[in-house]
Each structure stands twice: as structure tokens, then as C-alpha cells.
Amino acid sequence: MKQLSDEELVRLYVETQRNQYFEALYVRYCDKVYRKCLSFTKDPAKAEDFTHDIFLKLITKLGGFKEQAKFSTWLFSVTYNYCTDHTRVRRGGEVLADNMELLPDYGDSDEAEVAEMEAAGLRKAMDRLNADERSLLMMKYQDDFSIRDIADMSNITESAVKMRLKRAKDKLRKHYLEGIVMWLLLALKYITTKWPLRF
């Protein structure tokens, strides 16, 4: 089984309906799908449920895999769509990926503390985006999907992907900056209340 490509396993499963081929795909991708679901839900139990549902759904969808993209890209498309649909209902949750490259790298502890504050601000800004915008940013900056892959997965043109990405980034930046301003105002209010200025 190990020497068979994903696409060969899909073909063999569709042709023979033998569970061993599907199980091989499951073993290869279960953990990756779970981690992706966890990045959406931030709840291990819910992420397990999502993963289970996605693989159940996959059994019926494998016949529709046309090999226009790699199987892994197609599977992540199914995963993103499922997670987006099921997290669209609730408007919150920390959905920032741990390795999203939108923050600078800091070295010493003081700077690491600043980075932690920036990460928290970015998480809050991400929470204010809708599920589609969060998915788009995660596909591009966490999973490093190409514009073309995202376009194929979303059934839209590459220029539409670029436009939506720009809008989502602009919105993220706006929410992030609003959060910083709010934090500064609260800090200023606290400081002036605690130590009023005397003239």
C-alpha cells in the first residue's frame, strides 16, 4: 500500500470498493484533517467529530474525484468547505493558525511578550472575519495553497481569489488596528485614573 500514490488508492477503492484502499487513505490523512478541523474549532472533541464526518462524507464523494488537482488538495478543499459551513453558524472561536506568517519573529523575552500581544490581537481580528474570509486566509498563509489551487477548490477565477484575498487582508488589518487603538485607549484610561495628571 505504501508504494501506491493517493490517486491510485482512490482509483482502486472506486473500482473495487475494498475497504483496505480507503483505510490506507484514512491513515495517511486522518491526523492532517484533524489538525485542520482543530484550527477551526479549537475544541478537540468537536475536531474529532468533524474529522469523522469528513471521512464519512469522503466515502460517497470519492467517485467524484476527477484528478484535476492532487488528492491532498481536493481533500483539504472538502475539509475547508465542511469546517467553513459548520463554523459559519457560530461567529467566534480562535481560528488563527499557529504558523500563519503575518507576525514578525521576536527573540528576547520582552519582544516575545510584545509578539504574544500581537498574536492575541491578530486572533481577535481573525475572529471578526466571516468563515469564508478566515478560510481563504488560512488556505493561503497557513497551508500555502497557490492562487490557482484556491481558485480550483472554490470554483472561482484566479483574479476573484486575489480580489477576495486582498479584501480579507484589508479587513483583517482594519480589525487588528482597531483592536490596538482600543487597547491603547483602555490603557490610557487606566493610567490616567490610577495616576491623574496634576498641573
Protein backbone atom coordinates (compact mmCIF):
# COMPACT_ATOMS: atom_id res chain seq x y z
CA MET A 1 0.00 0.00 0.00
CA LYS A 2 2.79 2.43 0.87
CA GLN A 3 4.12 2.44 -2.68
CA LEU A 4 0.71 3.37 -4.13
CA SER A 5 0.00 7.05 -4.76
CA ASP A 6 -3.08 8.71 -3.30
CA GLU A 7 -4.66 8.84 -6.73
CA GLU A 8 -4.03 5.11 -7.31
CA LEU A 9 -5.63 4.29 -3.95
CA VAL A 10 -8.69 6.37 -4.87
CA ARG A 11 -9.00 4.62 -8.25
CA LEU A 12 -8.64 1.17 -6.66
CA TYR A 13 -11.22 1.97 -3.99
CA VAL A 14 -13.73 3.34 -6.52
CA GLU A 15 -13.26 0.32 -8.80
CA THR A 16 -13.26 -2.43 -6.15
CA GLN A 17 -15.00 -0.84 -3.11
CA ARG A 18 -12.45 -2.68 -0.94
CA ASN A 19 -12.02 -1.03 2.45
CA GLN A 20 -8.27 -1.57 2.60
CA TYR A 21 -7.70 1.17 0.00
CA PHE A 22 -9.88 3.66 1.82
CA GLU A 23 -8.22 2.76 5.13
CA ALA A 24 -4.81 3.48 3.61
CA LEU A 25 -6.01 6.98 2.64
CA TYR A 26 -7.50 7.41 6.11
CA VAL A 27 -4.22 6.50 7.80
CA ARG A 28 -2.32 8.95 5.57
CA TYR A 29 -4.62 11.92 6.13
CA CYS A 30 -6.58 11.44 9.36
CA ASP A 31 -4.15 13.41 11.52
CA LYS A 32 -3.80 16.26 8.99
CA VAL A 33 -7.57 16.59 8.62
CA TYR A 34 -7.98 16.50 12.42
CA ARG A 35 -5.40 19.29 12.88
CA LYS A 36 -7.13 21.39 10.24
CA CYS A 37 -10.51 20.87 11.95
CA LEU A 38 -8.92 21.75 15.29
CA SER A 39 -7.62 25.03 13.85
CA PHE A 40 -11.25 25.90 13.05
CA THR A 41 -12.96 24.63 16.20
CA LYS A 42 -10.29 24.96 18.92
CA ASP A 43 -12.17 22.08 20.55
CA PRO A 44 -10.56 18.59 20.37
CA ALA A 45 -13.88 16.73 20.74
CA LYS A 46 -15.56 18.80 18.05
CA ALA A 47 -12.50 18.44 15.79
CA GLU A 48 -12.75 14.64 16.16
CA ASP A 49 -16.44 14.78 15.23
CA PHE A 50 -15.66 16.97 12.19
CA THR A 51 -12.88 14.58 11.11
CA HIS A 52 -15.18 11.57 11.44
CA ASP A 53 -17.92 13.32 9.43
CA ILE A 54 -15.49 14.42 6.72
CA PHE A 55 -14.20 10.88 6.15
CA LEU A 56 -17.77 9.52 6.12
CA LYS A 57 -18.62 12.16 3.53
CA LEU A 58 -15.49 11.24 1.60
CA ILE A 59 -16.71 7.67 1.07
CA THR A 60 -19.60 8.97 -1.04
CA LYS A 61 -17.59 11.71 -2.74
CA LEU A 62 -14.57 9.70 -3.90
CA GLY A 63 -16.33 8.74 -7.12
CA GLY A 64 -16.43 12.45 -8.00
CA PHE A 65 -12.67 12.92 -7.68
CA LYS A 66 -11.54 13.74 -11.23
CA GLU A 67 -7.78 14.09 -10.62
CA GLN A 68 -7.79 17.69 -11.87
CA ALA A 69 -5.86 18.50 -8.68
CA LYS A 70 -3.82 16.38 -6.30
CA PHE A 71 -5.89 14.23 -3.96
CA SER A 72 -4.47 16.06 -0.93
CA THR A 73 -5.59 19.44 -2.34
CA TRP A 74 -9.04 18.03 -3.11
CA LEU A 75 -9.33 16.51 0.39
CA PHE A 76 -8.37 19.81 2.02
CA SER A 77 -10.96 21.52 -0.14
CA VAL A 78 -13.61 19.15 1.25
CA THR A 79 -12.26 19.77 4.76
CA TYR A 80 -12.26 23.55 4.39
CA ASN A 81 -15.77 23.57 2.95
CA TYR A 82 -17.09 21.35 5.73
CA CYS A 83 -15.40 23.36 8.51
CA THR A 84 -16.45 26.67 6.98
CA ASP A 85 -20.07 25.54 6.65
CA HIS A 86 -20.17 24.25 10.24
CA THR A 87 -18.39 27.19 11.85
CA ARG A 88 -20.34 29.79 9.87
CA VAL A 89 -23.19 29.29 12.32
CA ARG A 90 -21.16 30.39 15.33
CA ARG A 91 -19.40 33.69 14.96
CA GLY A 92 -16.41 33.30 17.25
CA GLY A 93 -13.67 30.96 18.22
CA GLU A 94 -9.96 31.42 17.80
CA VAL A 95 -9.27 30.47 14.24
CA LEU A 96 -5.77 31.82 13.80
CA ALA A 97 -3.30 29.21 12.66
CA ASP A 98 -0.23 28.86 14.84
CA ASN A 99 2.21 29.30 11.99
CA MET A 100 0.42 31.97 9.97
CA GLU A 101 3.21 34.21 8.74
CA LEU A 102 1.55 37.53 9.48
CA LEU A 103 3.58 38.38 12.58
CA PRO A 104 7.27 39.32 12.95
CA ASP A 105 9.67 36.94 14.68
CA TYR A 106 10.94 38.12 18.08
CA GLY A 107 13.93 36.89 20.01
CA ASP A 108 14.31 38.00 23.64
CA SER A 109 11.62 37.78 26.33
CA ASP A 110 10.45 41.43 26.22
CA GLU A 111 9.98 41.23 22.49
CA ALA A 112 8.39 37.79 22.83
CA GLU A 113 5.83 39.37 25.18
CA VAL A 114 5.07 42.01 22.55
CA ALA A 115 4.74 39.25 19.95
CA GLU A 116 2.29 37.43 22.22
CA MET A 117 0.18 40.58 22.49
CA GLU A 118 0.29 40.99 18.72
CA ALA A 119 -0.75 37.36 18.24
CA ALA A 120 -3.68 37.84 20.63
CA GLY A 121 -4.71 40.96 18.72
CA LEU A 122 -4.45 39.11 15.44
CA ARG A 123 -6.56 36.24 16.80
CA LYS A 124 -9.26 38.69 17.85
CA ALA A 125 -9.11 40.37 14.44
CA MET A 126 -9.46 36.96 12.74
CA ASP A 127 -12.48 36.20 14.91
CA ARG A 128 -14.22 39.25 13.47
CA LEU A 129 -13.91 37.94 9.90
CA ASN A 130 -16.58 35.68 8.46
CA ALA A 131 -15.89 31.96 7.94
CA ASP A 132 -15.19 32.35 4.21
CA GLU A 133 -12.63 35.11 4.79
CA ARG A 134 -10.88 33.12 7.55
CA SER A 135 -10.77 30.02 5.32
CA LEU A 136 -9.28 31.98 2.44
CA LEU A 137 -6.53 33.49 4.61
CA MET A 138 -5.74 30.11 6.20
CA MET A 139 -5.54 28.37 2.82
CA LYS A 140 -3.11 30.96 1.52
CA TYR A 141 -0.97 31.76 4.57
CA GLN A 142 -1.17 28.63 6.70
CA ASP A 143 -1.40 25.85 4.15
CA ASP A 144 0.46 27.69 1.40
CA PHE A 145 -2.05 26.84 -1.33
CA SER A 146 -1.39 28.55 -4.63
CA ILE A 147 -3.88 31.06 -6.04
CA ARG A 148 -4.66 28.52 -8.74
CA ASP A 149 -5.39 25.74 -6.21
CA ILE A 150 -7.67 28.05 -4.24
CA ALA A 151 -9.46 29.08 -7.43
CA ASP A 152 -10.00 25.42 -8.42
CA MET A 153 -11.20 24.50 -4.93
CA SER A 154 -13.57 27.46 -4.75
CA ASN A 155 -14.83 27.29 -8.35
CA ILE A 156 -13.92 30.93 -8.99
CA THR A 157 -11.34 32.65 -11.17
CA GLU A 158 -7.80 33.40 -10.02
CA SER A 159 -8.47 37.13 -10.23
CA ALA A 160 -11.53 36.67 -7.97
CA VAL A 161 -9.33 34.82 -5.45
CA LYS A 162 -6.79 37.67 -5.49
CA MET A 163 -9.55 40.24 -5.01
CA ARG A 164 -11.12 38.30 -2.11
CA LEU A 165 -7.72 37.78 -0.51
CA LYS A 166 -6.98 41.50 -0.71
CA ARG A 167 -10.36 42.36 0.82
CA ALA A 168 -9.90 39.79 3.61
CA LYS A 169 -6.38 41.08 4.38
CA ASP A 170 -7.58 44.70 4.37
CA LYS A 171 -10.44 43.78 6.70
CA LEU A 172 -8.08 41.83 8.97
CA ARG A 173 -5.66 44.76 9.10
CA LYS A 174 -8.51 47.18 9.89
CA HIS A 175 -9.83 45.00 12.74
CA TYR A 176 -6.30 44.47 14.06
CA LEU A 177 -5.56 48.22 14.11
CA GLU A 178 -8.95 48.94 15.71
CA GLY A 179 -8.04 46.45 18.44
CA ILE A 180 -4.70 48.18 19.05
CA VAL A 181 -6.38 51.61 19.27
CA MET A 182 -8.99 50.22 21.69
CA TRP A 183 -6.26 48.63 23.83
CA LEU A 184 -4.27 51.91 23.89
CA LEU A 185 -7.38 53.90 24.87
CA LEU A 186 -8.16 51.48 27.71
CA ALA A 187 -4.53 51.57 28.87
CA LEU A 188 -4.54 55.37 28.76
CA LYS A 189 -7.82 55.49 30.71
CA TYR A 190 -6.39 53.12 33.33
CA ILE A 191 -3.17 55.12 33.68
CA THR A 192 -4.96 58.49 33.99
CA THR A 193 -7.43 57.04 36.53
CA LYS A 194 -4.68 55.45 38.60
CA TRP A 195 -2.27 58.39 38.36
CA PRO A 196 -4.22 61.55 37.46
CA LEU A 197 -2.20 64.36 35.95
CA ARG A 198 -1.73 67.35 38.27
CA PHE A 199 -0.93 70.81 36.94
